[in-house]
């Protein structure tokens, strides 16, 4: 993975305020951040760049987060996917658990989320062998505890 790809993050959310907050916060952490306002736009961005981490809203027009996650299944080396959502448990259960590394409930603390994104990008840069490696490396760590706390 090239250095630029190791630090490249895609923020996908149809709420401009959330996108702006995340983009601004992640850039302060020296990440390269692109944004998309729906799943269809996210797929276009993913054809242009390879991302270390995707922060993905679940409920969006045009193409929702579930559709984006399904599209990731065909990638040889998918990014770390952190879902940010206010969706119900039923909607969350539609996600492919092998391709989603964390679920964060809205509202969330942007600085805490940025710290998790930086850590995930660093782990992803060292291990290009897929989603299971990321899940294994964060299992039992403060990252997983933080993600679990926010998902409840």
Protein backbone atom coordinates (compact mmCIF):
# COMPACT_ATOMS: atom_id res chain seq x y z
CA UNK A 1 0.00 0.00 0.00
CA UNK A 2 1.46 3.37 -1.02
CA UNK A 3 2.08 5.99 1.65
CA UNK A 4 -0.77 8.17 0.35
CA UNK A 5 -3.17 5.22 0.45
CA UNK A 6 -2.13 4.42 4.01
CA UNK A 7 -3.42 7.83 5.14
CA UNK A 8 -6.43 8.17 2.78
CA UNK A 9 -9.89 8.08 4.36
CA UNK A 10 -13.32 8.34 2.74
CA UNK A 11 -16.18 9.90 4.72
CA UNK A 12 -19.60 8.93 3.35
CA UNK A 13 -22.65 10.60 4.90
CA UNK A 14 -25.65 12.42 3.45
CA UNK A 15 -25.64 14.94 6.32
CA UNK A 16 -23.34 17.85 5.32
CA UNK A 17 -22.73 18.87 8.93
CA UNK A 18 -21.48 15.44 9.93
CA UNK A 19 -19.29 15.18 6.83
CA UNK A 20 -17.80 18.62 7.48
CA UNK A 21 -17.09 17.82 11.14
CA UNK A 22 -15.40 14.54 10.30
CA UNK A 23 -13.40 15.91 7.37
CA UNK A 24 -12.11 18.83 9.44
CA UNK A 25 -11.28 16.62 12.45
CA UNK A 26 -9.56 13.90 10.40
CA UNK A 27 -7.45 16.43 8.49
CA UNK A 28 -6.19 17.81 11.82
CA UNK A 29 -4.86 14.28 12.38
CA UNK A 30 -2.88 14.56 9.13
CA UNK A 31 -5.07 12.18 7.15
CA UNK A 32 -5.94 12.64 3.48
CA UNK A 33 -9.72 12.87 3.49
CA UNK A 34 -12.20 12.58 0.63
CA UNK A 35 -15.95 12.80 1.04
CA UNK A 36 -19.10 11.51 -0.60
CA UNK A 37 -22.71 12.43 0.11
CA UNK A 38 -24.17 9.00 -0.75
CA UNK A 39 -23.19 5.45 -1.56
CA UNK A 40 -23.17 5.93 -5.33
CA UNK A 41 -20.72 8.81 -5.03
CA UNK A 42 -18.63 6.68 -2.64
CA UNK A 43 -18.30 3.96 -5.28
CA UNK A 44 -17.07 6.56 -7.78
CA UNK A 45 -14.45 7.74 -5.26
CA UNK A 46 -13.37 4.14 -4.62
CA UNK A 47 -12.68 3.69 -8.33
CA UNK A 48 -10.44 6.79 -8.19
CA UNK A 49 -8.51 5.93 -4.99
CA UNK A 50 -7.70 3.08 -2.67
CA UNK A 51 -8.69 3.88 0.92
CA UNK A 52 -7.25 2.64 4.19
CA UNK A 53 -10.48 3.47 6.06
CA UNK A 54 -14.05 4.26 5.05
CA UNK A 55 -16.38 5.95 7.51
CA UNK A 56 -19.83 5.06 6.25
CA UNK A 57 -23.33 6.17 7.16
CA UNK A 58 -25.91 3.43 6.82
CA UNK A 59 -29.08 5.29 5.87
CA UNK A 60 -28.54 7.39 2.73
CA UNK A 61 -30.38 8.12 -0.50
CA UNK A 62 -29.37 6.70 -3.90
CA UNK A 63 -27.27 3.83 -2.46
CA UNK A 64 -27.25 3.03 1.24
CA UNK A 65 -24.38 1.80 3.38
CA UNK A 66 -25.41 -1.85 3.03
CA UNK A 67 -25.04 -1.51 -0.76
CA UNK A 68 -21.59 0.03 -0.38
CA UNK A 69 -20.48 -2.78 1.95
CA UNK A 70 -21.74 -5.37 -0.55
CA UNK A 71 -19.68 -3.65 -3.28
CA UNK A 72 -16.59 -3.92 -1.07
CA UNK A 73 -16.92 -7.71 -0.98
CA UNK A 74 -15.43 -7.90 -4.48
CA UNK A 75 -12.27 -5.96 -3.66
CA UNK A 76 -9.05 -7.95 -3.26
CA UNK A 77 -7.94 -5.83 -0.31
CA UNK A 78 -10.95 -4.01 1.19
CA UNK A 79 -10.50 -1.02 3.50
CA UNK A 80 -11.33 -0.89 7.17
CA UNK A 81 -15.04 0.03 7.38
CA UNK A 82 -16.42 1.97 10.33
CA UNK A 83 -20.17 2.49 10.14
CA UNK A 84 -21.61 5.59 11.80
CA UNK A 85 -25.34 5.40 12.15
CA UNK A 86 -28.53 6.13 13.97
CA UNK A 87 -30.14 3.07 12.32
CA UNK A 88 -32.04 0.37 14.16
CA UNK A 89 -30.50 -2.96 15.14
CA UNK A 90 -32.48 -4.65 12.33
CA UNK A 91 -30.82 -2.43 9.73
CA UNK A 92 -27.38 -2.93 11.26
CA UNK A 93 -27.85 -6.71 11.19
CA UNK A 94 -28.02 -6.53 7.37
CA UNK A 95 -24.31 -5.69 7.22
CA UNK A 96 -21.71 -8.29 6.27
CA UNK A 97 -19.79 -8.78 9.55
CA UNK A 98 -16.62 -9.81 7.68
CA UNK A 99 -16.45 -6.39 5.99
CA UNK A 100 -17.50 -4.07 8.82
CA UNK A 101 -14.93 -3.48 11.55
CA UNK A 102 -16.92 -1.25 13.84
CA UNK A 103 -20.28 0.39 14.35
CA UNK A 104 -20.46 3.81 15.98
CA UNK A 105 -23.79 5.25 17.08
CA UNK A 106 -24.70 8.85 16.32
CA UNK A 107 -24.11 11.19 18.07
CA UNK A 108 -20.41 10.48 18.60
CA UNK A 109 -17.28 12.29 19.73
CA UNK A 110 -15.39 13.29 16.55
CA UNK A 111 -11.99 13.39 18.28
CA UNK A 112 -12.43 9.90 19.71
CA UNK A 113 -13.53 8.60 16.33
CA UNK A 114 -10.54 10.29 14.67
CA UNK A 115 -8.19 8.49 17.08
CA UNK A 116 -9.77 5.17 16.14
CA UNK A 117 -9.50 6.00 12.42
CA UNK A 118 -5.80 6.88 12.76
CA UNK A 119 -5.15 3.61 14.60
CA UNK A 120 -7.09 1.59 12.02
CA UNK A 121 -5.20 3.26 9.16
CA UNK A 122 -1.90 2.41 10.83
CA UNK A 123 -2.92 -1.21 11.35
CA UNK A 124 -4.20 -1.43 7.78
CA UNK A 125 -0.93 -0.04 6.39
CA UNK A 126 1.05 -2.80 8.09
CA UNK A 127 -1.30 -5.60 7.06
CA UNK A 128 -2.72 -5.74 3.57
CA UNK A 129 -4.17 -9.20 3.99
CA UNK A 130 -7.75 -8.21 4.58
CA UNK A 131 -10.50 -7.59 7.04
CA UNK A 132 -9.96 -10.56 9.33
CA UNK A 133 -6.43 -9.41 10.14
CA UNK A 134 -7.72 -6.00 11.23
CA UNK A 135 -10.46 -7.54 13.36
CA UNK A 136 -7.93 -9.89 14.96
CA UNK A 137 -5.47 -7.10 15.70
CA UNK A 138 -8.04 -4.87 17.41
CA UNK A 139 -9.80 -7.69 19.30
CA UNK A 140 -9.41 -7.13 23.00
CA UNK A 141 -7.80 -3.74 22.48
CA UNK A 142 -9.04 -0.33 23.61
CA UNK A 143 -10.23 0.21 20.02
CA UNK A 144 -12.66 -2.67 20.22
CA UNK A 145 -13.82 -1.66 23.69
CA UNK A 146 -14.43 1.87 22.44
CA UNK A 147 -16.34 0.67 19.39
CA UNK A 148 -18.42 -1.72 21.53
CA UNK A 149 -19.23 1.09 23.97
CA UNK A 150 -20.48 3.33 21.16
CA UNK A 151 -22.50 0.62 19.45
CA UNK A 152 -24.73 0.03 22.49
